Amino acid sequence: MILFLLPMAMHMIGQQKTEYNNKGDDAMKRLDYRDARMWFEEGVVQCDLYSIDQLTTIWLSDEEMRPSMRSLMNKCLNCLNVKGAEGDTIAVSKLILYYTEGIGTPKNEDLTQYWQKRLDSFRQTTIDSSVAKEQNHVRKLDKPKESIHFFGGYAFSKEAPYGLTVGIIQGDWGWFVRFRSNLSFKKFDGKCRDVGIIEEKLPDDPIFRFTNEKKVNFSSAIAGVVIRCLPWMYTSVGLGYGSRDLLCQYNIIDPDNYTLQKSYWCKNEDFSYQGLAADLDVMIKFGSVFISGGCSTVNFKYADLNAGIGLFF
């Protein structure tokens, strides 16, 4: 009821600012209905709902004036029909009264019921809209803000057994950074190929022979995103920089007695890679503990399996 009375009151207050309404109101205070009708009649030309409302009051209050007001009230009825068709609930309420009491028209029960149904429909639409807005507002207020979770743990692979992963997750998304290395920084003296060829010419053209000894210098730095697939499962994808140097040992042989003189290390160009590094992992969460597994690559030429274990905070 408040939803419909408040707009009506505000509309009437706004209309009272017009000169003809002010003078009509003064006449109503003196109970001079004839003078009031003359002023409010000016408002009917504009389909002023306040003027129409005051003329309706005069019709209901003074039966002696009704014969002279029939044509005027019929004009009021026309205005109300136009506004009612546009969905004006104030006008629809007046139409129900007009067809019930026979104001400006004969009484008509069918039209009374028709406009009553239209009014109920307008009210229900307004109520439903208000309720929906309120429910949406409540949902927004009640929706808990996604908490932020930090995680960190040990990361390792076959060639990089020492690593660290740290990151943040909020809701279904997050990010991480990962560092892995084998902490080997072995220096090398030259470059070679896997077929046993040393690319640089050695001084004095000594006799050399490759051994079966090999070492790897490996390190990588990765950053990427974490996506929650299930409440207990996450997928992470990251890109960064990686370096893998495969070092091969060779010996210099004394040409006189074929004994070992000295050992050297060379970088095997066929199996050494630097550049783009990528990780793809799956994380499984058990309470606050997680384990991970996946694969990593350097330049998409070298691939290795990796794993990890850590905690959510």
Protein backbone atom coordinates (compact mmCIF):
# COMPACT_ATOMS: atom_id res chain seq x y z
CA MET A 1 0.00 0.00 0.00
CA ILE A 2 2.84 2.39 0.88
CA LEU A 3 4.39 1.77 -2.55
CA PHE A 4 1.29 3.19 -4.23
CA LEU A 5 0.27 5.92 -1.75
CA LEU A 6 3.70 7.54 -1.65
CA PRO A 7 3.95 8.18 -5.44
CA MET A 8 0.36 9.52 -5.37
CA ALA A 9 1.20 11.94 -2.57
CA MET A 10 4.39 13.13 -4.25
CA HIS A 11 2.56 13.61 -7.54
CA MET A 12 -0.16 15.66 -5.88
CA ILE A 13 2.33 17.83 -4.01
CA GLY A 14 4.10 18.59 -7.28
CA GLN A 15 0.84 19.54 -8.99
CA GLN A 16 -0.20 21.95 -6.22
CA LYS A 17 2.47 24.39 -7.39
CA THR A 18 0.37 25.41 -10.39
CA GLU A 19 -1.65 28.61 -10.09
CA TYR A 20 -5.02 27.05 -10.97
CA ASN A 21 -4.56 24.34 -8.35
CA ASN A 22 -3.63 26.88 -5.68
CA LYS A 23 -6.69 28.99 -6.42
CA GLY A 24 -8.86 25.88 -6.61
CA ASP A 25 -7.62 24.81 -3.20
CA ASP A 26 -8.47 28.22 -1.75
CA ALA A 27 -12.00 27.86 -3.09
CA MET A 28 -12.26 24.34 -1.62
CA LYS A 29 -11.37 25.73 1.80
CA ARG A 30 -14.28 28.17 1.47
CA LEU A 31 -16.51 25.27 0.28
CA ASP A 32 -17.08 27.28 -2.86
CA TYR A 33 -17.29 24.28 -5.15
CA ARG A 34 -18.40 26.26 -8.20
CA ASP A 35 -15.38 28.53 -8.08
CA ALA A 36 -13.11 25.53 -7.35
CA ARG A 37 -14.54 23.62 -10.32
CA MET A 38 -13.75 26.56 -12.61
CA TRP A 39 -10.07 26.58 -11.55
CA PHE A 40 -9.58 22.82 -11.57
CA GLU A 41 -11.19 22.63 -15.00
CA GLU A 42 -8.06 24.32 -16.36
CA GLY A 43 -6.03 21.37 -15.12
CA VAL A 44 -8.18 18.86 -16.98
CA VAL A 45 -6.92 20.32 -20.27
CA GLN A 46 -3.43 19.18 -19.16
CA CYS A 47 -4.78 15.89 -17.75
CA ASP A 48 -3.52 17.11 -14.35
CA LEU A 49 -4.21 14.22 -11.95
CA TYR A 50 -4.39 16.57 -8.95
CA SER A 51 -7.07 18.67 -10.62
CA ILE A 52 -8.94 15.49 -11.62
CA ASP A 53 -8.72 14.23 -8.03
CA GLN A 54 -10.16 17.47 -6.63
CA LEU A 55 -12.98 17.49 -9.20
CA THR A 56 -13.76 13.90 -8.19
CA THR A 57 -13.98 15.06 -4.57
CA ILE A 58 -16.44 17.79 -5.57
CA TRP A 59 -18.55 15.24 -7.51
CA LEU A 60 -18.75 12.93 -4.51
CA SER A 61 -19.35 15.78 -2.00
CA ASP A 62 -22.06 17.83 -3.78
CA GLU A 63 -24.75 15.91 -5.65
CA GLU A 64 -26.45 19.15 -6.77
CA MET A 65 -23.43 20.00 -8.95
CA ARG A 66 -23.32 16.65 -10.72
CA PRO A 67 -25.67 17.54 -13.63
CA SER A 68 -23.43 20.48 -14.61
CA MET A 69 -20.24 18.43 -14.25
CA ARG A 70 -21.09 15.38 -16.38
CA SER A 71 -19.30 16.62 -19.49
CA LEU A 72 -16.29 17.74 -17.42
CA MET A 73 -16.09 14.41 -15.61
CA ASN A 74 -16.26 12.61 -18.94
CA LYS A 75 -13.12 14.54 -19.97
CA CYS A 76 -11.53 13.47 -16.70
CA LEU A 77 -12.43 9.88 -17.54
CA ASN A 78 -10.76 10.15 -20.94
CA CYS A 79 -7.57 11.42 -19.33
CA LEU A 80 -7.61 8.59 -16.82
CA ASN A 81 -8.07 6.00 -19.57
CA VAL A 82 -5.04 7.34 -21.44
CA LYS A 83 -2.83 7.38 -18.35
CA GLY A 84 -4.16 4.02 -17.17
CA ALA A 85 -3.25 2.43 -20.50
CA GLU A 86 0.30 3.77 -19.98
CA GLY A 87 0.53 1.94 -16.64
CA ASP A 88 -0.12 4.87 -14.27
CA THR A 89 -1.39 3.14 -11.13
CA ILE A 90 -2.87 6.38 -9.73
CA ALA A 91 -5.00 6.76 -12.83
CA VAL A 92 -5.99 3.07 -12.70
CA SER A 93 -7.18 3.49 -9.09
CA LYS A 94 -9.34 6.42 -10.16
CA LEU A 95 -10.77 4.44 -13.09
CA ILE A 96 -11.94 1.74 -10.70
CA LEU A 97 -13.74 4.43 -8.67
CA TYR A 98 -15.24 6.06 -11.77
CA TYR A 99 -16.70 2.81 -13.14
CA THR A 100 -17.85 1.72 -9.68
CA GLU A 101 -19.63 4.98 -8.84
CA GLY A 102 -20.63 5.95 -12.38
CA ILE A 103 -18.60 9.16 -12.52
CA GLY A 104 -18.67 10.69 -16.01
CA THR A 105 -20.01 7.39 -17.33
CA PRO A 106 -22.63 4.77 -16.42
CA LYS A 107 -21.59 2.19 -13.85
CA ASN A 108 -19.84 -0.73 -15.48
CA GLU A 109 -18.94 -3.79 -13.41
CA ASP A 110 -16.98 -5.44 -16.23
CA LEU A 111 -14.68 -2.45 -16.65
CA THR A 112 -14.36 -2.16 -12.88
CA GLN A 113 -13.09 -5.75 -12.71
CA TYR A 114 -10.86 -5.22 -15.75
CA TRP A 115 -9.08 -2.25 -14.22
CA GLN A 116 -8.92 -3.96 -10.83
CA LYS A 117 -7.05 -6.85 -12.43
CA ARG A 118 -4.73 -4.41 -14.19
CA LEU A 119 -4.02 -2.68 -10.88
CA ASP A 120 -3.33 -5.98 -9.12
CA SER A 121 -1.00 -6.92 -11.97
CA PHE A 122 0.87 -3.59 -11.71
CA ARG A 123 1.16 -3.98 -7.95
CA GLN A 124 2.44 -7.54 -8.21
CA THR A 125 5.00 -6.52 -10.82
CA THR A 126 6.19 -3.68 -8.61
CA ILE A 127 6.35 -5.92 -5.55
CA ASP A 128 8.16 -8.68 -7.44
CA SER A 129 10.65 -6.16 -8.80
CA SER A 130 11.23 -4.71 -5.33
CA VAL A 131 11.63 -8.15 -3.81
CA ALA A 132 14.05 -9.22 -6.56
CA LYS A 133 16.16 -6.10 -6.04
CA GLU A 134 16.17 -6.69 -2.29
CA GLN A 135 17.13 -10.34 -2.75
CA ASN A 136 19.95 -9.39 -5.11
CA HIS A 137 21.15 -6.83 -2.60
CA VAL A 138 21.02 -9.40 0.20
CA ARG A 139 22.88 -11.95 -1.95
CA LYS A 140 25.63 -9.42 -2.63
CA LEU A 141 25.87 -8.63 1.08
CA ASP A 142 25.74 -12.27 2.12
CA LYS A 143 28.20 -13.51 -0.50
CA PRO A 144 31.39 -14.13 1.43
CA LYS A 145 34.53 -12.57 0.12
CA GLU A 146 36.90 -15.19 -1.19
CA SER A 147 39.76 -15.64 1.27
CA ILE A 148 43.38 -15.54 0.16
CA HIS A 149 45.48 -18.67 0.66
CA PHE A 150 49.26 -18.74 0.48
CA PHE A 151 51.06 -21.94 -0.38
CA GLY A 152 54.64 -23.03 -0.58
CA GLY A 153 56.61 -26.20 -0.87
CA TYR A 154 59.52 -28.25 -2.10
CA ALA A 155 59.81 -28.80 -5.88
CA PHE A 156 62.13 -31.28 -7.55
CA SER A 157 62.86 -33.25 -10.72
CA LYS A 158 65.41 -35.84 -11.77
CA GLU A 159 67.98 -33.31 -12.96
CA ALA A 160 66.97 -30.50 -10.57
CA PRO A 161 66.44 -32.03 -7.12
CA TYR A 162 66.47 -28.69 -5.31
CA GLY A 163 63.52 -26.36 -5.81
CA LEU A 164 60.99 -24.06 -4.22
CA THR A 165 57.41 -23.18 -5.18
CA VAL A 166 55.45 -20.30 -3.61
CA GLY A 167 52.12 -18.75 -4.60
CA ILE A 168 48.74 -17.28 -3.73
CA ILE A 169 45.22 -18.50 -4.49
CA GLN A 170 42.00 -16.49 -4.11
CA GLY A 171 38.81 -18.21 -5.20
CA ASP A 172 39.38 -20.16 -8.40
CA TRP A 173 42.53 -18.34 -9.53
CA GLY A 174 46.01 -17.70 -8.32
CA TRP A 175 49.64 -17.38 -9.33
CA PHE A 176 52.93 -19.03 -8.47
CA VAL A 177 56.68 -18.75 -8.94
CA ARG A 178 59.05 -21.72 -8.99
CA PHE A 179 62.82 -22.07 -8.91
CA ARG A 180 64.67 -25.33 -9.53
CA SER A 181 68.35 -26.23 -9.78
CA ASN A 182 70.79 -29.07 -9.20
CA LEU A 183 73.22 -26.60 -7.60
CA SER A 184 75.88 -27.65 -10.09
CA PHE A 185 77.92 -24.85 -11.62
CA LYS A 186 80.71 -26.94 -13.17
CA LYS A 187 82.97 -24.97 -15.50
CA PHE A 188 83.93 -26.29 -18.91
CA ASP A 189 86.88 -25.69 -21.21
CA GLY A 190 85.29 -25.87 -24.62
CA LYS A 191 82.49 -27.19 -26.76
CA CYS A 192 82.00 -30.61 -28.28
CA ARG A 193 79.53 -32.78 -30.14
CA ASP A 194 77.91 -36.04 -29.16
CA VAL A 195 79.83 -37.93 -31.84
CA GLY A 196 83.08 -37.32 -29.97
CA ILE A 197 84.25 -34.22 -31.80
CA ILE A 198 85.79 -31.23 -30.01
CA GLU A 199 84.90 -28.04 -31.86
CA GLU A 200 87.90 -25.97 -30.77
CA LYS A 201 91.33 -27.05 -31.98
CA LEU A 202 93.45 -28.18 -29.03
CA PRO A 203 97.06 -26.91 -28.69
CA ASP A 204 99.67 -29.16 -30.24
CA ASP A 205 96.98 -31.51 -31.57
CA PRO A 206 97.16 -33.92 -28.62
CA ILE A 207 95.57 -37.31 -28.49
CA PHE A 208 92.29 -37.17 -26.56
CA ARG A 209 89.71 -39.68 -25.56
CA PHE A 210 86.19 -39.16 -24.14
CA THR A 211 85.31 -40.93 -20.93
CA ASN A 212 81.85 -41.99 -19.78
CA GLU A 213 81.75 -39.25 -17.15
CA LYS A 214 79.02 -36.63 -17.62
CA LYS A 215 77.66 -33.77 -15.54
CA VAL A 216 74.66 -31.47 -15.91
CA ASN A 217 74.29 -27.84 -14.90
CA PHE A 218 70.57 -27.14 -14.62
CA SER A 219 68.52 -24.16 -13.37
CA SER A 220 65.13 -22.65 -14.19
CA ALA A 221 62.81 -19.88 -13.03
CA ILE A 222 59.08 -20.15 -13.80
CA ALA A 223 56.03 -17.95 -13.09
CA GLY A 224 52.43 -18.71 -14.00
CA VAL A 225 48.79 -19.11 -13.03
CA VAL A 226 46.94 -21.61 -10.85
CA ILE A 227 43.37 -22.66 -11.72
CA ARG A 228 41.06 -24.52 -9.32
CA CYS A 229 39.36 -27.33 -11.21
CA LEU A 230 37.80 -29.05 -8.18
CA PRO A 231 37.75 -28.13 -4.47
CA TRP A 232 40.73 -30.46 -4.00
CA MET A 233 42.48 -30.21 -7.38
CA TYR A 234 44.38 -27.39 -9.08
CA THR A 235 46.18 -27.04 -12.39
CA SER A 236 49.17 -24.76 -12.85
CA VAL A 237 50.77 -23.50 -16.05
CA GLY A 238 53.93 -21.43 -16.09
CA LEU A 239 56.56 -19.94 -18.39
CA GLY A 240 60.04 -18.65 -17.72
CA TYR A 241 63.71 -19.20 -18.44
CA GLY A 242 65.71 -22.42 -18.19
CA SER A 243 69.26 -23.56 -18.81
CA ARG A 244 70.57 -27.12 -19.17
CA ASP A 245 74.26 -27.70 -19.95
CA LEU A 246 75.42 -31.28 -20.52
CA LEU A 247 79.15 -31.55 -19.81
CA CYS A 248 81.29 -34.42 -21.08
CA GLN A 249 84.74 -35.35 -19.80
CA TYR A 250 87.70 -36.13 -22.05
CA ASN A 251 91.33 -37.01 -21.29
CA ILE A 252 94.53 -35.83 -22.94
CA ILE A 253 96.79 -38.81 -23.64
CA ASP A 254 100.64 -38.74 -23.65
CA PRO A 255 101.59 -39.81 -27.22
CA ASP A 256 104.81 -41.43 -26.03
CA ASN A 257 103.49 -43.87 -23.48
CA TYR A 258 99.73 -43.42 -23.87
CA THR A 259 99.30 -42.44 -20.25
CA LEU A 260 96.81 -39.87 -18.92
CA GLN A 261 98.15 -36.36 -18.81
CA LYS A 262 95.09 -34.29 -17.82
CA SER A 263 91.26 -34.34 -17.83
CA TYR A 264 88.97 -31.62 -19.25
CA TRP A 265 85.22 -30.90 -19.53
CA CYS A 266 83.44 -29.70 -22.63
CA LYS A 267 79.85 -28.58 -23.21
CA ASN A 268 77.91 -30.99 -25.42
CA GLU A 269 76.15 -28.69 -27.86
CA ASP A 270 73.81 -31.45 -29.06
CA PHE A 271 72.15 -31.87 -25.65
CA SER A 272 72.49 -28.44 -24.04
CA TYR A 273 69.59 -25.98 -24.15
CA GLN A 274 68.88 -22.43 -22.97
CA GLY A 275 65.78 -20.30 -23.39
CA LEU A 276 62.05 -20.69 -22.88
CA ALA A 277 61.08 -22.96 -20.00
CA ALA A 278 57.55 -24.20 -19.35
CA ASP A 279 55.85 -26.18 -16.56
CA LEU A 280 52.49 -27.97 -16.53
CA ASP A 281 51.43 -29.47 -13.20
CA VAL A 282 48.48 -30.85 -11.27
CA MET A 283 48.16 -30.15 -7.54
CA ILE A 284 46.12 -32.42 -5.27
CA LYS A 285 45.10 -30.95 -1.91
CA PHE A 286 44.64 -33.02 1.27
CA GLY A 287 43.50 -30.59 3.93
CA SER A 288 46.35 -28.11 4.21
CA VAL A 289 48.86 -30.42 2.48
CA PHE A 290 49.31 -30.67 -1.28
CA ILE A 291 51.30 -32.85 -3.62
CA SER A 292 52.00 -32.02 -7.25
CA GLY A 293 53.22 -33.73 -10.36
CA GLY A 294 53.80 -32.72 -13.96
CA CYS A 295 56.35 -32.12 -16.64
CA SER A 296 58.75 -29.37 -17.59
CA THR A 297 60.64 -28.48 -20.74
CA VAL A 298 63.37 -26.18 -21.99
CA ASN A 299 62.88 -24.88 -25.52
CA PHE A 300 60.51 -27.82 -26.07
CA LYS A 301 63.59 -29.92 -26.88
CA TYR A 302 64.30 -31.30 -23.44
CA ALA A 303 61.58 -32.63 -21.12
CA ASP A 304 61.65 -33.91 -17.56
CA LEU A 305 59.10 -35.06 -14.99
CA ASN A 306 58.76 -33.01 -11.81
CA ALA A 307 56.99 -33.32 -8.48
CA GLY A 308 56.43 -31.35 -5.31
CA ILE A 309 54.98 -31.31 -1.83
CA GLY A 310 53.94 -28.40 0.37
CA LEU A 311 51.39 -26.65 2.56
CA PHE A 312 48.51 -24.18 2.23
CA PHE A 313 48.44 -21.40 4.82
